[in-house]
Amino acid sequence: MLCSVSLAQLAEEENVERFVVGESDNPIGGENTIMRRIIIFSKALEVRTSLPVDQISEAYSTAEARRALESKVKTRKDTKVPVDAAAAAIILQTYLDDKRL
């Protein structure tokens, strides 16, 4: 995973205007240790880059990505796109659709 320093450099090179980070939901409620790490990372990224960091729920994005990938391939060996990358694309598309960008 890229650290905030690498992302800051990439943001400058690519003229990034903002970051979108998935929120980890706990379906049964209660504290979520992953979400605490996401909050810390998001704040560090915001400080390091001076860019806004928007958060969007990633609920069910992995399951949706798996379904989408499985419907396009005959066997798991045919899957060339990692599930996490497909889930990230779904999260970003959801964000863009919500913002109508």
N, C-alpha and C. Protein backbone atom coordinates (compact mmCIF):
# COMPACT_ATOMS: atom_id res chain seq x y z
N MET A 1 0.84 -1.17 0.00
CA MET A 1 0.00 0.00 0.00
C MET A 1 0.89 1.24 0.00
N LEU A 2 0.44 2.25 -0.69
CA LEU A 2 1.19 3.50 -0.74
C LEU A 2 1.06 4.25 0.57
N CYS A 3 2.13 4.88 1.00
CA CYS A 3 2.07 5.69 2.21
C CYS A 3 1.71 7.12 1.84
N SER A 4 1.43 7.94 2.85
CA SER A 4 1.01 9.32 2.58
C SER A 4 2.09 10.11 1.85
N VAL A 5 3.36 9.79 2.08
CA VAL A 5 4.45 10.49 1.38
C VAL A 5 4.40 10.18 -0.11
N SER A 6 4.26 8.91 -0.47
CA SER A 6 4.18 8.53 -1.88
C SER A 6 2.95 9.12 -2.54
N LEU A 7 1.83 9.12 -1.83
CA LEU A 7 0.61 9.69 -2.38
C LEU A 7 0.73 11.20 -2.55
N ALA A 8 1.43 11.85 -1.64
CA ALA A 8 1.64 13.30 -1.77
C ALA A 8 2.44 13.60 -3.03
N GLN A 9 3.47 12.82 -3.27
CA GLN A 9 4.29 13.00 -4.47
C GLN A 9 3.46 12.74 -5.73
N LEU A 10 2.71 11.66 -5.74
CA LEU A 10 1.86 11.32 -6.87
C LEU A 10 0.79 12.40 -7.10
N ALA A 11 0.22 12.92 -6.04
CA ALA A 11 -0.81 13.96 -6.15
C ALA A 11 -0.25 15.20 -6.82
N GLU A 12 0.98 15.54 -6.47
CA GLU A 12 1.61 16.72 -7.08
C GLU A 12 1.89 16.48 -8.56
N GLU A 13 2.41 15.31 -8.89
CA GLU A 13 2.74 14.99 -10.28
C GLU A 13 1.50 14.92 -11.16
N GLU A 14 0.39 14.45 -10.61
CA GLU A 14 -0.83 14.22 -11.40
C GLU A 14 -1.89 15.31 -11.21
N ASN A 15 -1.54 16.38 -10.50
CA ASN A 15 -2.49 17.48 -10.24
C ASN A 15 -3.80 16.99 -9.62
N VAL A 16 -3.68 16.15 -8.62
CA VAL A 16 -4.84 15.61 -7.91
C VAL A 16 -5.51 16.73 -7.12
N GLU A 17 -6.83 16.75 -7.13
CA GLU A 17 -7.59 17.78 -6.42
C GLU A 17 -8.12 17.30 -5.07
N ARG A 18 -8.31 16.00 -4.92
CA ARG A 18 -8.81 15.44 -3.67
C ARG A 18 -8.59 13.94 -3.68
N PHE A 19 -8.69 13.35 -2.51
CA PHE A 19 -8.59 11.90 -2.36
C PHE A 19 -9.94 11.35 -1.92
N VAL A 20 -10.22 10.13 -2.30
CA VAL A 20 -11.42 9.43 -1.85
C VAL A 20 -10.95 8.16 -1.15
N VAL A 21 -11.38 7.99 0.09
CA VAL A 21 -10.96 6.86 0.91
C VAL A 21 -12.20 6.09 1.36
N GLY A 22 -12.15 4.79 1.28
CA GLY A 22 -13.27 3.96 1.72
C GLY A 22 -13.36 3.89 3.23
N GLU A 23 -14.58 3.98 3.74
CA GLU A 23 -14.84 3.80 5.18
C GLU A 23 -15.15 2.34 5.43
N SER A 24 -14.53 1.79 6.43
CA SER A 24 -14.78 0.39 6.78
C SER A 24 -15.93 0.33 7.78
N ASP A 25 -17.02 -0.28 7.35
CA ASP A 25 -18.20 -0.40 8.21
C ASP A 25 -18.15 -1.71 8.98
N ASN A 26 -18.64 -1.66 10.21
CA ASN A 26 -18.77 -2.87 11.00
C ASN A 26 -20.24 -3.26 10.96
N PRO A 27 -20.60 -4.31 10.21
CA PRO A 27 -22.01 -4.64 10.02
C PRO A 27 -22.75 -5.00 11.31
N ILE A 28 -22.02 -5.39 12.35
CA ILE A 28 -22.69 -5.73 13.61
C ILE A 28 -22.59 -4.60 14.62
N GLY A 29 -22.06 -3.48 14.20
CA GLY A 29 -21.93 -2.34 15.10
C GLY A 29 -20.68 -2.43 15.95
N GLY A 30 -20.48 -1.44 16.77
CA GLY A 30 -19.31 -1.44 17.65
C GLY A 30 -18.10 -0.84 16.99
N GLU A 31 -17.01 -0.86 17.74
CA GLU A 31 -15.77 -0.27 17.25
C GLU A 31 -15.17 -1.09 16.12
N ASN A 32 -14.52 -0.39 15.24
CA ASN A 32 -13.91 -1.03 14.08
C ASN A 32 -12.44 -0.59 14.04
N THR A 33 -11.54 -1.51 14.31
CA THR A 33 -10.11 -1.15 14.37
C THR A 33 -9.58 -0.69 13.03
N ILE A 34 -10.10 -1.23 11.95
CA ILE A 34 -9.64 -0.81 10.62
C ILE A 34 -10.04 0.64 10.38
N MET A 35 -11.25 1.01 10.80
CA MET A 35 -11.71 2.38 10.60
C MET A 35 -10.84 3.37 11.36
N ARG A 36 -10.39 2.99 12.55
CA ARG A 36 -9.47 3.88 13.29
C ARG A 36 -8.21 4.13 12.49
N ARG A 37 -7.68 3.10 11.85
CA ARG A 37 -6.47 3.25 11.02
C ARG A 37 -6.76 4.12 9.80
N ILE A 38 -7.95 3.96 9.22
CA ILE A 38 -8.33 4.77 8.06
C ILE A 38 -8.40 6.24 8.44
N ILE A 39 -8.97 6.54 9.60
CA ILE A 39 -9.07 7.93 10.06
C ILE A 39 -7.69 8.53 10.25
N ILE A 40 -6.79 7.80 10.89
CA ILE A 40 -5.42 8.28 11.10
C ILE A 40 -4.73 8.51 9.76
N PHE A 41 -4.86 7.55 8.84
CA PHE A 41 -4.25 7.68 7.52
C PHE A 41 -4.82 8.88 6.78
N SER A 42 -6.13 9.04 6.80
CA SER A 42 -6.78 10.14 6.09
C SER A 42 -6.31 11.49 6.61
N LYS A 43 -6.21 11.62 7.93
CA LYS A 43 -5.74 12.88 8.52
C LYS A 43 -4.28 13.15 8.13
N ALA A 44 -3.45 12.12 8.15
CA ALA A 44 -2.05 12.29 7.75
C ALA A 44 -1.95 12.70 6.29
N LEU A 45 -2.77 12.10 5.45
CA LEU A 45 -2.78 12.43 4.03
C LEU A 45 -3.23 13.87 3.81
N GLU A 46 -4.24 14.29 4.54
CA GLU A 46 -4.74 15.65 4.42
C GLU A 46 -3.68 16.66 4.85
N VAL A 47 -3.00 16.37 5.95
CA VAL A 47 -1.94 17.26 6.44
C VAL A 47 -0.77 17.30 5.47
N ARG A 48 -0.36 16.14 4.99
CA ARG A 48 0.81 16.04 4.11
C ARG A 48 0.56 16.71 2.76
N THR A 49 -0.68 16.64 2.25
CA THR A 49 -0.94 17.13 0.89
C THR A 49 -1.71 18.45 0.85
N SER A 50 -2.32 18.84 1.95
CA SER A 50 -3.21 20.01 2.00
C SER A 50 -4.39 19.85 1.04
N LEU A 51 -4.74 18.62 0.74
CA LEU A 51 -5.88 18.33 -0.13
C LEU A 51 -7.00 17.71 0.70
N PRO A 52 -8.25 17.93 0.28
CA PRO A 52 -9.35 17.29 1.00
C PRO A 52 -9.33 15.78 0.81
N VAL A 53 -9.74 15.08 1.85
CA VAL A 53 -9.86 13.63 1.80
C VAL A 53 -11.32 13.30 2.12
N ASP A 54 -12.04 12.85 1.11
CA ASP A 54 -13.44 12.48 1.29
C ASP A 54 -13.52 11.00 1.61
N GLN A 55 -14.45 10.65 2.48
CA GLN A 55 -14.64 9.25 2.83
C GLN A 55 -16.01 8.79 2.36
N ILE A 56 -16.06 7.56 1.88
CA ILE A 56 -17.31 6.96 1.41
C ILE A 56 -17.36 5.52 1.90
N SER A 57 -18.55 5.09 2.24
CA SER A 57 -18.72 3.72 2.74
C SER A 57 -18.28 2.71 1.68
N GLU A 58 -17.54 1.72 2.15
CA GLU A 58 -17.14 0.65 1.24
C GLU A 58 -17.97 -0.60 1.48
N ALA A 59 -19.11 -0.41 2.15
CA ALA A 59 -19.97 -1.55 2.48
C ALA A 59 -20.34 -2.33 1.22
N TYR A 60 -20.11 -3.59 1.28
CA TYR A 60 -20.48 -4.55 0.23
C TYR A 60 -19.72 -4.36 -1.09
N SER A 61 -18.74 -3.47 -1.14
CA SER A 61 -18.01 -3.26 -2.40
C SER A 61 -17.21 -4.50 -2.80
N THR A 62 -16.64 -5.20 -1.82
CA THR A 62 -15.87 -6.40 -2.13
C THR A 62 -16.78 -7.49 -2.67
N ALA A 63 -17.93 -7.67 -2.05
CA ALA A 63 -18.88 -8.68 -2.53
C ALA A 63 -19.37 -8.32 -3.94
N GLU A 64 -19.64 -7.05 -4.17
CA GLU A 64 -20.08 -6.61 -5.49
C GLU A 64 -18.98 -6.83 -6.53
N ALA A 65 -17.74 -6.55 -6.14
CA ALA A 65 -16.61 -6.74 -7.05
C ALA A 65 -16.44 -8.22 -7.39
N ARG A 66 -16.57 -9.09 -6.39
CA ARG A 66 -16.45 -10.53 -6.65
C ARG A 66 -17.52 -11.00 -7.63
N ARG A 67 -18.76 -10.55 -7.40
CA ARG A 67 -19.85 -10.94 -8.31
C ARG A 67 -19.57 -10.46 -9.73
N ALA A 68 -19.11 -9.22 -9.84
CA ALA A 68 -18.84 -8.65 -11.17
C ALA A 68 -17.72 -9.41 -11.86
N LEU A 69 -16.66 -9.72 -11.11
CA LEU A 69 -15.53 -10.45 -11.70
C LEU A 69 -15.93 -11.86 -12.09
N GLU A 70 -16.68 -12.54 -11.22
CA GLU A 70 -17.07 -13.92 -11.49
C GLU A 70 -18.01 -14.01 -12.68
N SER A 71 -18.80 -12.98 -12.92
CA SER A 71 -19.71 -13.02 -14.06
C SER A 71 -18.97 -12.83 -15.39
N LYS A 72 -17.73 -12.34 -15.31
CA LYS A 72 -16.97 -12.07 -16.53
C LYS A 72 -15.92 -13.12 -16.84
N VAL A 73 -15.69 -14.05 -15.92
CA VAL A 73 -14.65 -15.06 -16.14
C VAL A 73 -15.23 -16.46 -16.00
N LYS A 74 -14.57 -17.40 -16.66
CA LYS A 74 -15.03 -18.78 -16.60
C LYS A 74 -14.48 -19.50 -15.37
N THR A 75 -13.23 -19.21 -15.03
CA THR A 75 -12.61 -19.83 -13.86
C THR A 75 -11.88 -18.75 -13.08
N ARG A 76 -11.60 -19.04 -11.83
CA ARG A 76 -10.86 -18.07 -11.01
C ARG A 76 -9.48 -17.76 -11.60
N LYS A 77 -8.90 -18.74 -12.31
CA LYS A 77 -7.59 -18.51 -12.92
C LYS A 77 -7.65 -17.40 -13.96
N ASP A 78 -8.83 -17.22 -14.57
CA ASP A 78 -8.98 -16.19 -15.59
C ASP A 78 -9.02 -14.77 -15.01
N THR A 79 -9.21 -14.67 -13.71
CA THR A 79 -9.33 -13.36 -13.08
C THR A 79 -7.98 -12.66 -13.07
N LYS A 80 -7.88 -11.57 -13.79
CA LYS A 80 -6.63 -10.82 -13.86
C LYS A 80 -6.68 -9.59 -12.95
N VAL A 81 -7.88 -9.15 -12.60
CA VAL A 81 -8.05 -7.96 -11.77
C VAL A 81 -8.21 -8.42 -10.32
N PRO A 82 -7.34 -7.96 -9.42
CA PRO A 82 -7.51 -8.32 -8.01
C PRO A 82 -8.85 -7.77 -7.49
N VAL A 83 -9.48 -8.52 -6.61
CA VAL A 83 -10.77 -8.12 -6.06
C VAL A 83 -10.68 -6.76 -5.39
N ASP A 84 -9.60 -6.49 -4.65
CA ASP A 84 -9.47 -5.20 -3.97
C ASP A 84 -9.45 -4.04 -4.96
N ALA A 85 -8.79 -4.23 -6.10
CA ALA A 85 -8.74 -3.17 -7.12
C ALA A 85 -10.12 -2.94 -7.71
N ALA A 86 -10.84 -4.03 -7.95
CA ALA A 86 -12.20 -3.90 -8.49
C ALA A 86 -13.11 -3.22 -7.46
N ALA A 87 -12.96 -3.57 -6.19
CA ALA A 87 -13.76 -2.94 -5.14
C ALA A 87 -13.44 -1.45 -5.04
N ALA A 88 -12.17 -1.10 -5.16
CA ALA A 88 -11.77 0.32 -5.13
C ALA A 88 -12.40 1.08 -6.28
N ALA A 89 -12.46 0.45 -7.44
CA ALA A 89 -13.10 1.09 -8.60
C ALA A 89 -14.59 1.31 -8.35
N ILE A 90 -15.23 0.35 -7.71
CA ILE A 90 -16.65 0.48 -7.38
C ILE A 90 -16.86 1.61 -6.38
N ILE A 91 -16.00 1.70 -5.37
CA ILE A 91 -16.10 2.77 -4.37
C ILE A 91 -15.95 4.12 -5.05
N LEU A 92 -14.96 4.26 -5.92
CA LEU A 92 -14.74 5.53 -6.60
C LEU A 92 -15.90 5.87 -7.53
N GLN A 93 -16.40 4.89 -8.26
CA GLN A 93 -17.53 5.16 -9.16
C GLN A 93 -18.76 5.58 -8.37
N THR A 94 -18.99 4.95 -7.22
CA THR A 94 -20.11 5.33 -6.36
C THR A 94 -19.95 6.78 -5.90
N TYR A 95 -18.74 7.14 -5.51
CA TYR A 95 -18.46 8.52 -5.09
C TYR A 95 -18.75 9.49 -6.24
N LEU A 96 -18.24 9.19 -7.42
CA LEU A 96 -18.44 10.07 -8.57
C LEU A 96 -19.92 10.18 -8.94
N ASP A 97 -20.62 9.06 -8.88
CA ASP A 97 -22.06 9.08 -9.18
C ASP A 97 -22.81 9.94 -8.16
N ASP A 98 -22.45 9.79 -6.88
CA ASP A 98 -23.11 10.58 -5.83
C ASP A 98 -22.85 12.07 -6.01
N LYS A 99 -21.64 12.41 -6.43
CA LYS A 99 -21.26 13.82 -6.61
C LYS A 99 -21.62 14.32 -8.00
N ARG A 100 -22.03 13.40 -8.87
CA ARG A 100 -22.36 13.70 -10.26
C ARG A 100 -21.20 14.36 -10.99
N LEU A 101 -20.02 13.77 -10.78
CA LEU A 101 -18.79 14.28 -11.42
C LEU A 101 -18.48 13.50 -12.67
